[in-house]
N, C-alpha and C. Protein backbone atom coordinates (compact mmCIF):
# COMPACT_ATOMS: atom_id res chain seq x y z
N UNK A 1 109.28 117.78 140.15
CA UNK A 1 109.39 117.37 138.77
C UNK A 1 110.77 116.64 138.65
N UNK A 2 110.82 115.53 137.96
CA UNK A 2 112.15 114.76 137.67
C UNK A 2 112.77 115.25 136.62
N UNK A 3 114.11 115.01 136.65
CA UNK A 3 115.02 115.50 135.37
C UNK A 3 114.69 114.69 134.24
N UNK A 4 114.65 115.13 133.00
CA UNK A 4 114.39 114.55 131.75
C UNK A 4 115.40 113.38 131.66
N UNK A 5 114.89 112.20 131.07
CA UNK A 5 115.71 111.25 130.83
C UNK A 5 116.65 111.28 129.56
N UNK A 6 117.87 110.88 129.46
CA UNK A 6 118.72 111.01 128.40
C UNK A 6 118.18 110.08 127.26
N UNK A 7 118.71 110.59 126.13
CA UNK A 7 118.27 109.74 124.95
C UNK A 7 119.52 109.49 124.11
N UNK A 8 120.36 110.69 123.99
CA UNK A 8 121.61 110.38 123.08
C UNK A 8 122.76 110.71 124.10
N UNK A 9 123.87 110.04 124.11
CA UNK A 9 125.00 110.22 124.97
C UNK A 9 126.37 110.11 124.06
N UNK A 10 127.27 111.03 124.06
CA UNK A 10 128.55 111.07 123.62
C UNK A 10 129.68 110.99 124.67
N UNK A 11 130.51 110.35 124.49
CA UNK A 11 131.68 110.14 125.44
C UNK A 11 132.95 110.37 124.83
N UNK A 12 133.74 111.30 125.34
CA UNK A 12 135.02 111.60 124.76
C UNK A 12 136.16 111.50 125.96
N UNK A 13 137.07 110.59 125.77
CA UNK A 13 138.05 110.30 126.83
C UNK A 13 138.82 111.53 127.07
N UNK A 14 139.17 111.75 128.26
CA UNK A 14 139.85 113.10 128.58
C UNK A 14 141.37 112.63 128.80
N UNK A 15 142.22 113.27 128.18
CA UNK A 15 143.90 113.14 128.05
C UNK A 15 144.32 114.05 129.18
N UNK A 16 144.63 113.59 130.37
CA UNK A 16 145.07 114.41 131.42
C UNK A 16 146.43 115.16 131.23
N UNK A 17 147.18 114.61 130.05
CA UNK A 17 148.34 115.36 129.79
C UNK A 17 148.08 116.50 128.80
N UNK A 18 146.92 116.69 128.24
CA UNK A 18 146.55 117.65 127.32
C UNK A 18 145.90 118.88 128.17
N UNK A 19 146.48 119.90 127.75
CA UNK A 19 146.17 121.28 128.44
C UNK A 19 144.79 121.76 128.05
N UNK A 20 143.92 121.92 128.95
CA UNK A 20 142.54 122.31 128.63
C UNK A 20 142.15 123.57 129.25
N UNK A 21 142.99 124.32 129.67
CA UNK A 21 142.90 125.64 130.27
C UNK A 21 142.86 126.75 129.49
N UNK A 22 143.32 126.89 128.23
CA UNK A 22 143.37 127.84 127.45
C UNK A 22 143.52 127.72 126.05
N UNK A 23 144.41 126.67 125.67
CA UNK A 23 144.90 126.47 124.42
C UNK A 23 144.08 125.57 123.61
N UNK A 24 143.42 124.42 124.17
CA UNK A 24 142.60 123.56 123.40
C UNK A 24 141.28 124.16 123.06
N UNK A 25 141.02 124.20 121.81
CA UNK A 25 139.84 124.52 121.14
C UNK A 25 138.98 123.61 120.74
N UNK A 26 139.31 122.41 120.53
CA UNK A 26 138.47 121.38 119.92
C UNK A 26 138.79 119.97 120.51
N UNK A 27 137.84 119.16 120.33
CA UNK A 27 138.10 117.67 120.56
C UNK A 27 138.01 116.87 119.40
N UNK A 28 138.88 116.33 119.09
CA UNK A 28 138.93 115.43 117.82
C UNK A 28 138.13 114.26 118.05
N UNK A 29 137.19 113.91 117.21
CA UNK A 29 136.07 112.96 117.33
C UNK A 29 136.53 111.89 116.31
N UNK A 30 136.81 110.60 116.62
CA UNK A 30 137.17 109.42 115.72
C UNK A 30 136.57 108.24 116.31
N UNK A 31 136.07 107.47 115.44
CA UNK A 31 135.76 107.59 114.02
C UNK A 31 134.65 108.36 113.86
N UNK A 32 134.95 109.55 113.00
CA UNK A 32 133.92 110.54 112.65
C UNK A 32 132.94 109.93 111.77
N UNK A 33 133.07 109.00 110.91
CA UNK A 33 131.92 108.63 110.13
C UNK A 33 130.81 107.80 110.85
N UNK A 34 131.26 106.92 111.90
CA UNK A 34 130.26 106.45 112.77
C UNK A 34 129.61 107.38 113.83
N UNK A 35 130.42 108.26 114.34
CA UNK A 35 129.77 109.16 115.17
C UNK A 35 129.10 110.39 114.89
N UNK A 36 129.34 110.84 113.69
CA UNK A 36 128.66 112.13 112.98
C UNK A 36 127.16 111.99 113.18
N UNK A 37 126.53 110.90 112.64
CA UNK A 37 124.95 111.01 112.71
C UNK A 37 124.49 111.42 114.22
N UNK A 38 125.23 110.83 115.20
CA UNK A 38 124.64 111.09 116.56
C UNK A 38 125.05 112.46 116.97
N UNK A 39 126.09 112.82 116.70
CA UNK A 39 126.48 114.25 117.14
C UNK A 39 125.77 115.18 116.12
N UNK A 40 125.47 115.11 114.99
CA UNK A 40 124.56 116.04 114.20
C UNK A 40 123.21 115.95 114.70
N UNK A 41 122.63 115.02 115.38
CA UNK A 41 121.34 114.99 115.97
C UNK A 41 121.40 115.95 117.30
N UNK A 42 122.36 115.81 117.97
CA UNK A 42 122.63 116.45 119.27
C UNK A 42 122.85 117.94 118.98
N UNK A 43 123.58 118.28 117.72
CA UNK A 43 123.95 119.75 117.32
C UNK A 43 123.29 120.11 116.24
N UNK A 44 122.04 120.08 116.03
CA UNK A 44 121.22 120.24 114.88
C UNK A 44 121.13 121.56 114.13
N UNK A 45 121.50 122.77 114.85
CA UNK A 45 121.53 123.84 114.38
C UNK A 45 122.63 124.38 113.21
N UNK A 46 122.18 125.21 112.28
CA UNK A 46 123.19 125.64 111.33
C UNK A 46 124.29 126.46 111.95
N UNK A 47 125.68 126.16 111.61
CA UNK A 47 126.76 126.78 112.21
C UNK A 47 127.06 127.95 111.40
N UNK A 48 128.26 128.52 111.75
CA UNK A 48 128.92 129.72 110.81
C UNK A 48 129.35 129.42 109.54
N UNK A 49 129.34 128.15 109.12
CA UNK A 49 129.52 127.72 107.62
C UNK A 49 128.68 126.58 107.20
N UNK A 50 128.52 126.44 106.00
CA UNK A 50 127.50 125.65 105.41
C UNK A 50 127.53 124.26 105.88
N UNK A 51 128.81 123.68 106.35
CA UNK A 51 129.03 122.27 106.74
C UNK A 51 129.37 122.15 108.21
N UNK A 52 128.90 123.07 108.96
CA UNK A 52 129.16 123.18 110.29
C UNK A 52 127.74 123.23 110.91
N UNK A 53 127.50 122.29 112.10
CA UNK A 53 126.37 122.38 112.96
C UNK A 53 126.70 122.85 114.36
N UNK A 54 125.64 123.34 115.04
CA UNK A 54 125.94 123.74 116.33
C UNK A 54 124.85 123.43 117.34
N UNK A 55 125.07 123.76 118.64
CA UNK A 55 124.01 123.46 119.46
C UNK A 55 124.39 124.29 120.85
N UNK A 56 123.68 124.48 121.65
CA UNK A 56 123.86 125.09 123.04
C UNK A 56 123.93 124.08 124.10
N UNK A 57 125.07 123.92 124.58
CA UNK A 57 125.44 122.98 125.84
C UNK A 57 125.03 123.66 127.24
N UNK A 58 124.43 123.02 128.18
CA UNK A 58 124.24 123.62 129.43
C UNK A 58 124.59 123.02 130.52
N UNK A 59 124.87 123.68 131.69
CA UNK A 59 125.54 122.90 132.87
C UNK A 59 124.98 123.97 134.00
N UNK A 60 125.07 123.40 135.35
CA UNK A 60 125.03 124.11 136.49
C UNK A 60 126.48 124.46 137.06
N UNK A 61 126.64 125.86 137.35
CA UNK A 61 127.80 126.06 137.90
C UNK A 61 127.95 125.72 139.47
N UNK A 62 129.11 126.02 140.09
CA UNK A 62 129.39 125.69 141.58
C UNK A 62 128.23 126.45 142.51
N UNK A 63 127.82 127.65 141.83
CA UNK A 63 126.89 128.35 142.61
C UNK A 63 125.40 128.05 142.40
N UNK A 64 125.06 127.01 141.59
CA UNK A 64 124.06 126.55 141.35
C UNK A 64 123.21 127.37 140.31
N UNK A 65 123.75 128.09 139.60
CA UNK A 65 123.40 128.91 138.53
C UNK A 65 123.33 128.18 137.13
N UNK A 66 122.48 128.28 136.24
CA UNK A 66 122.60 127.66 134.88
C UNK A 66 123.47 128.60 134.08
N UNK A 67 124.11 127.98 133.25
CA UNK A 67 124.98 128.54 132.30
C UNK A 67 125.09 127.60 130.93
N UNK A 68 125.45 128.36 129.79
CA UNK A 68 125.68 127.59 128.57
C UNK A 68 126.78 128.31 127.61
N UNK A 69 126.78 127.44 126.72
CA UNK A 69 127.96 127.87 125.70
C UNK A 69 127.62 127.28 124.32
N UNK A 70 127.97 127.82 123.29
CA UNK A 70 127.84 127.19 121.71
C UNK A 70 128.81 126.00 121.60
N UNK A 71 128.36 125.12 121.06
CA UNK A 71 129.58 123.96 120.79
C UNK A 71 129.17 123.79 119.14
N UNK A 72 130.18 123.68 118.46
CA UNK A 72 130.07 123.35 117.02
C UNK A 72 130.72 122.10 116.51
N UNK A 73 130.03 121.52 115.56
CA UNK A 73 130.68 120.18 114.87
C UNK A 73 131.24 120.53 113.69
N UNK A 74 132.33 120.35 113.44
CA UNK A 74 133.25 120.75 112.08
C UNK A 74 133.41 119.47 111.55
N UNK A 75 133.49 119.47 110.16
CA UNK A 75 133.76 118.32 109.19
C UNK A 75 135.44 117.93 109.40
N UNK A 76 136.12 116.88 108.95
CA UNK A 76 137.34 116.53 108.83
C UNK A 76 138.27 117.55 108.13
N UNK A 77 139.41 117.87 108.58
CA UNK A 77 140.19 118.88 107.87
C UNK A 77 140.66 118.53 106.18
N UNK A 78 140.76 117.14 106.16
CA UNK A 78 140.83 116.57 104.77
C UNK A 78 139.67 115.51 104.63
N UNK A 79 139.47 115.20 103.25
CA UNK A 79 138.49 114.20 103.10
C UNK A 79 138.97 112.79 103.52
N UNK A 80 140.26 112.47 103.46
CA UNK A 80 140.69 111.13 103.92
C UNK A 80 140.65 110.89 105.30
N UNK A 81 140.39 112.15 106.07
CA UNK A 81 140.48 111.87 107.60
C UNK A 81 139.02 111.45 108.28
N UNK A 82 139.23 110.25 108.98
CA UNK A 82 137.90 109.83 109.67
C UNK A 82 137.85 110.44 111.01
N UNK A 83 137.76 111.68 111.06
CA UNK A 83 137.54 112.41 112.31
C UNK A 83 136.64 113.62 112.02
N UNK A 84 135.86 113.81 113.09
CA UNK A 84 135.21 115.23 113.13
C UNK A 84 135.87 116.12 114.09
N UNK A 85 135.27 117.37 114.25
CA UNK A 85 136.02 118.15 115.29
C UNK A 85 134.96 118.85 116.03
N UNK A 86 134.87 118.68 117.43
CA UNK A 86 133.93 119.15 118.19
C UNK A 86 134.54 120.39 118.70
N UNK A 87 134.09 121.80 118.23
CA UNK A 87 134.90 122.87 118.52
C UNK A 87 134.14 123.65 119.68
N UNK A 88 134.83 124.26 120.64
CA UNK A 88 134.44 125.24 121.64
C UNK A 88 135.34 126.26 121.39
N UNK A 89 134.93 127.48 121.76
CA UNK A 89 135.65 128.72 121.80
C UNK A 89 136.85 128.43 122.67
N UNK A 90 136.85 127.99 123.79
CA UNK A 90 137.84 127.50 124.75
C UNK A 90 137.31 126.62 125.73
N UNK A 91 137.86 125.42 125.89
CA UNK A 91 137.31 124.32 126.48
C UNK A 91 136.90 124.69 127.94
N UNK A 92 137.55 125.75 128.66
CA UNK A 92 137.23 126.14 130.10
C UNK A 92 135.89 126.86 130.07
N UNK A 93 135.25 127.35 128.76
CA UNK A 93 134.19 127.90 128.59
C UNK A 93 132.85 127.02 129.03
N UNK A 94 133.07 125.68 128.81
CA UNK A 94 132.03 124.69 129.12
C UNK A 94 132.42 124.35 130.66
N UNK A 95 131.74 124.88 131.37
CA UNK A 95 131.81 124.75 132.89
C UNK A 95 131.53 123.07 133.29
N UNK A 96 130.64 122.41 132.55
CA UNK A 96 130.34 121.06 132.78
C UNK A 96 131.51 120.26 132.60
N UNK A 97 132.52 120.76 131.79
CA UNK A 97 133.70 119.98 131.48
C UNK A 97 134.98 120.29 132.36
N UNK A 98 134.80 120.98 133.25
CA UNK A 98 135.78 121.31 134.15
C UNK A 98 136.18 120.22 135.16
N UNK A 99 137.43 119.99 135.42
CA UNK A 99 137.78 118.87 136.20
C UNK A 99 139.22 119.24 136.81
N UNK A 100 139.45 118.58 137.76
CA UNK A 100 140.76 118.58 138.57
C UNK A 100 141.86 117.89 137.87
N UNK A 101 142.83 118.44 136.93
CA UNK A 101 143.71 117.74 136.29
C UNK A 101 144.66 116.92 136.97
N UNK A 102 145.07 117.37 138.15
CA UNK A 102 145.96 116.44 139.16
C UNK A 102 145.21 115.13 139.48
N UNK A 103 143.84 115.24 139.72
CA UNK A 103 143.16 113.96 140.24
C UNK A 103 143.01 113.16 139.05
N UNK A 104 142.62 113.85 137.87
CA UNK A 104 142.60 113.09 136.67
C UNK A 104 143.91 112.46 136.35
N UNK A 105 144.93 112.91 136.32
CA UNK A 105 146.23 112.21 136.16
C UNK A 105 146.59 111.07 137.10
N UNK A 106 146.11 111.48 138.44
CA UNK A 106 146.58 110.32 139.23
C UNK A 106 145.54 109.25 139.01
N UNK A 107 144.31 109.32 138.68
CA UNK A 107 143.40 108.36 138.38
C UNK A 107 144.04 107.52 137.10
N UNK A 108 144.41 108.34 136.09
CA UNK A 108 144.86 107.65 134.69
C UNK A 108 146.08 106.74 135.30
N UNK A 109 147.02 107.19 136.02
CA UNK A 109 148.11 106.42 136.53
C UNK A 109 147.62 105.04 137.33
N UNK A 110 146.53 105.25 138.04
CA UNK A 110 145.90 103.99 138.59
C UNK A 110 145.10 103.17 137.52
N UNK A 111 144.95 103.44 136.32
CA UNK A 111 144.32 102.75 135.30
C UNK A 111 142.87 103.28 135.04
N UNK A 112 142.49 104.21 135.76
CA UNK A 112 141.07 104.79 135.55
C UNK A 112 140.97 105.83 134.46
N UNK A 113 140.08 105.81 133.53
CA UNK A 113 139.87 106.81 132.59
C UNK A 113 138.63 107.57 132.60
N UNK A 114 138.88 108.98 132.48
CA UNK A 114 137.67 110.00 132.48
C UNK A 114 137.21 110.29 131.34
N UNK A 115 135.98 111.03 131.28
CA UNK A 115 135.32 111.36 129.87
C UNK A 115 134.65 112.60 130.16
N UNK A 116 134.63 113.20 128.93
CA UNK A 116 133.84 114.38 128.69
C UNK A 116 132.36 113.78 128.28
N UNK A 117 131.25 114.25 128.73
CA UNK A 117 130.13 113.75 128.22
C UNK A 117 129.23 114.76 127.77
N UNK A 118 128.53 114.48 126.51
CA UNK A 118 127.39 115.33 126.09
C UNK A 118 126.24 114.58 126.22
N UNK A 119 125.16 114.97 126.79
CA UNK A 119 124.03 114.24 127.19
C UNK A 119 122.86 115.11 126.57
N UNK A 120 122.02 114.46 125.57
CA UNK A 120 120.60 115.06 125.13
C UNK A 120 119.47 114.33 125.88
N UNK A 121 118.72 115.21 126.46
CA UNK A 121 117.53 114.70 127.07
C UNK A 121 116.49 114.50 126.15
N UNK A 122 115.34 114.02 126.61
CA UNK A 122 114.16 113.76 125.69
C UNK A 122 113.62 115.24 125.45
N UNK A 123 113.85 116.39 126.18
CA UNK A 123 113.33 117.67 125.72
C UNK A 123 114.29 118.40 124.83
N UNK A 124 115.33 117.66 124.27
CA UNK A 124 116.34 118.14 123.44
C UNK A 124 117.31 118.99 124.26
N UNK A 125 117.28 119.09 125.41
CA UNK A 125 118.36 119.86 126.25
C UNK A 125 119.60 119.15 126.33
N UNK A 126 120.68 119.86 125.97
CA UNK A 126 122.00 119.24 125.86
C UNK A 126 122.87 119.65 126.95
N UNK A 127 123.34 118.83 127.84
CA UNK A 127 124.34 119.13 129.01
C UNK A 127 125.56 118.43 128.87
N UNK A 128 126.50 119.24 129.65
CA UNK A 128 127.93 118.61 129.64
C UNK A 128 128.11 118.22 131.20
N UNK A 129 129.15 117.23 131.02
CA UNK A 129 129.44 116.86 132.39
C UNK A 129 130.86 116.02 132.46
N UNK A 130 131.35 115.62 133.38
CA UNK A 130 132.71 114.87 133.45
C UNK A 130 132.19 113.49 134.11
N UNK A 131 132.53 112.34 133.45
CA UNK A 131 132.35 111.00 134.03
C UNK A 131 133.80 110.43 134.41
N UNK A 132 133.88 110.03 135.72
CA UNK A 132 134.91 109.36 136.11
C UNK A 132 134.89 107.95 135.91
N UNK A 133 135.97 107.06 135.41
CA UNK A 133 135.69 105.77 135.09
C UNK A 133 134.98 104.99 136.13
N UNK A 134 135.38 105.13 137.38
CA UNK A 134 134.80 104.40 138.41
C UNK A 134 133.21 104.66 138.43
N UNK A 135 132.64 105.57 137.75
CA UNK A 135 131.09 105.88 137.66
C UNK A 135 130.44 105.20 136.53
N UNK A 136 131.13 104.61 135.57
CA UNK A 136 130.60 104.06 134.57
C UNK A 136 129.28 103.09 134.71
N UNK A 137 129.51 102.41 135.89
CA UNK A 137 128.17 101.42 136.10
C UNK A 137 126.99 102.34 136.51
N UNK A 138 127.19 103.55 136.62
CA UNK A 138 126.00 104.32 136.95
C UNK A 138 125.22 105.00 135.73
N UNK A 139 125.98 104.79 134.62
CA UNK A 139 125.31 105.12 133.32
C UNK A 139 124.17 104.24 132.96
N UNK A 140 123.32 104.72 132.05
CA UNK A 140 122.21 103.87 131.69
C UNK A 140 122.99 102.42 131.11
N UNK A 141 122.28 101.07 131.32
CA UNK A 141 123.00 100.00 131.08
C UNK A 141 123.43 99.86 129.62
N UNK A 142 122.96 100.32 128.67
CA UNK A 142 123.37 100.12 127.23
C UNK A 142 124.68 100.95 127.21
N UNK A 143 124.72 102.16 127.65
CA UNK A 143 125.87 102.99 127.71
C UNK A 143 126.89 102.15 128.52
N UNK A 144 126.68 102.02 129.64
CA UNK A 144 127.57 101.22 130.59
C UNK A 144 128.31 100.00 129.95
N UNK A 145 127.54 99.16 129.34
CA UNK A 145 128.04 98.06 128.72
C UNK A 145 128.92 98.28 127.50
N UNK A 146 128.43 99.43 126.63
CA UNK A 146 129.29 99.67 125.56
C UNK A 146 130.63 100.22 126.10
N UNK A 147 130.78 101.16 126.94
CA UNK A 147 131.92 101.81 127.35
C UNK A 147 132.84 100.61 128.20
N UNK A 148 132.36 99.79 128.77
CA UNK A 148 133.11 98.70 129.41
C UNK A 148 133.73 97.81 128.09
N UNK A 149 132.97 97.52 127.38
CA UNK A 149 133.59 96.83 125.99
C UNK A 149 134.70 97.45 125.41
N UNK A 150 134.47 98.89 125.18
CA UNK A 150 135.48 99.57 124.49
C UNK A 150 136.75 99.78 125.34
N UNK A 151 136.42 99.97 126.73
CA UNK A 151 137.61 100.02 127.67
C UNK A 151 138.38 98.62 127.71
N UNK A 152 137.80 97.65 127.42
CA UNK A 152 138.46 96.45 127.44
C UNK A 152 139.41 96.09 126.30
N UNK A 153 139.01 96.87 125.10
CA UNK A 153 139.80 96.71 124.05
C UNK A 153 141.27 97.39 124.05
N UNK A 154 142.28 96.84 123.51
CA UNK A 154 143.48 97.64 123.20
C UNK A 154 143.25 98.99 122.61
N UNK A 155 144.03 100.12 123.36
CA UNK A 155 143.82 101.46 122.75
C UNK A 155 144.26 101.59 121.24
N UNK A 156 143.55 102.29 120.64
CA UNK A 156 143.56 102.51 119.29
C UNK A 156 144.39 103.68 118.61
N UNK A 157 145.10 104.41 119.69
CA UNK A 157 145.84 105.79 119.43
C UNK A 157 144.81 106.65 119.34
N UNK A 158 144.95 107.74 120.26
CA UNK A 158 143.95 108.88 120.30
C UNK A 158 142.95 108.62 121.54
N UNK A 159 142.05 109.46 121.91
CA UNK A 159 141.01 109.16 122.91
C UNK A 159 140.02 108.42 122.46
N UNK A 160 139.36 107.57 123.35
CA UNK A 160 138.27 106.80 123.04
C UNK A 160 137.16 107.71 122.96
N UNK A 161 136.33 107.30 121.91
CA UNK A 161 134.93 108.23 121.69
C UNK A 161 133.96 107.24 121.36
N UNK A 162 132.75 107.51 122.09
CA UNK A 162 131.55 106.67 121.80
C UNK A 162 130.31 107.33 121.85
N UNK A 163 129.43 106.80 121.23
CA UNK A 163 127.97 107.40 121.17
C UNK A 163 127.02 106.28 121.52
N UNK A 164 126.06 106.81 122.12
CA UNK A 164 124.90 105.84 122.56
C UNK A 164 123.43 106.56 122.25
N UNK A 165 122.70 105.83 121.44
CA UNK A 165 121.30 106.09 121.25
C UNK A 165 120.38 105.31 122.10
N UNK A 166 119.97 105.81 123.11
CA UNK A 166 119.05 104.91 124.05
C UNK A 166 117.75 104.66 123.39
N UNK A 167 117.21 105.72 122.55
CA UNK A 167 115.84 105.40 121.92
C UNK A 167 115.94 104.37 120.84
N UNK A 168 116.87 104.21 120.03
CA UNK A 168 117.08 103.19 118.93
C UNK A 168 117.84 102.13 119.47
N UNK A 169 118.56 102.19 120.72
CA UNK A 169 119.19 101.04 121.40
C UNK A 169 120.48 100.76 120.41
N UNK A 170 121.23 101.79 119.87
CA UNK A 170 122.36 101.81 119.00
C UNK A 170 123.54 102.32 119.77
N UNK A 171 124.64 101.70 119.38
CA UNK A 171 125.90 102.40 119.90
C UNK A 171 126.91 102.43 118.69
N UNK A 172 127.82 103.31 118.81
CA UNK A 172 128.92 103.62 117.94
C UNK A 172 130.13 104.15 118.51
N UNK A 173 131.48 103.75 118.12
CA UNK A 173 131.57 102.92 116.94
C UNK A 173 131.24 101.40 117.58
C-alpha cells in the first residue's frame, strides 16, 4: 500500500540561531491572515481555549516507531499583529522536526535554508518533517515553485512561512 498523497503543506523556515532544544514553545506564523485558513484546516479540533484549534502531528522515530504530539494554533497576541502562533509544548517533542543544528547553521552560511514542514495527507493524517533547501525540487511542483519564488524575494524580517493547498491549487502568501 502506498503512502497517502499530501493535500495541504505548511512550510516554516528554521532559524539555526534560534534555540529549539528546550526554550522555544511556538513558531510565529506570519502573515497570519493569509495562512490561518490553511492551518485551521490542518488543525481543526477545538483547543484548550475558545479561539484555539489543535491537531495531532505524527512522525516515525529513528527506531521506526510511530509517535505523535498535540500542536495548537493560537491567535495573535494583539489585534494589530498579523501573526498566528503554532504552539507545541516543547519543540523537541515533535520528533519529525528534529535536526542537526550545526549542519543547519553550516547550510545557512552556504546560502541554504531549511524548513519545518507540516503535511496533511488525503486521509487527514498530519505529519512533521524537516526539508532541506536542496530538497525543495522534490516537493510537489506547485509547492516547489511557490517556495522557489518566495526564496528569490528579499527577506521580510522573520522566518519565511508558506502554505500550499494542492487540491485547490492555491498558495499563501
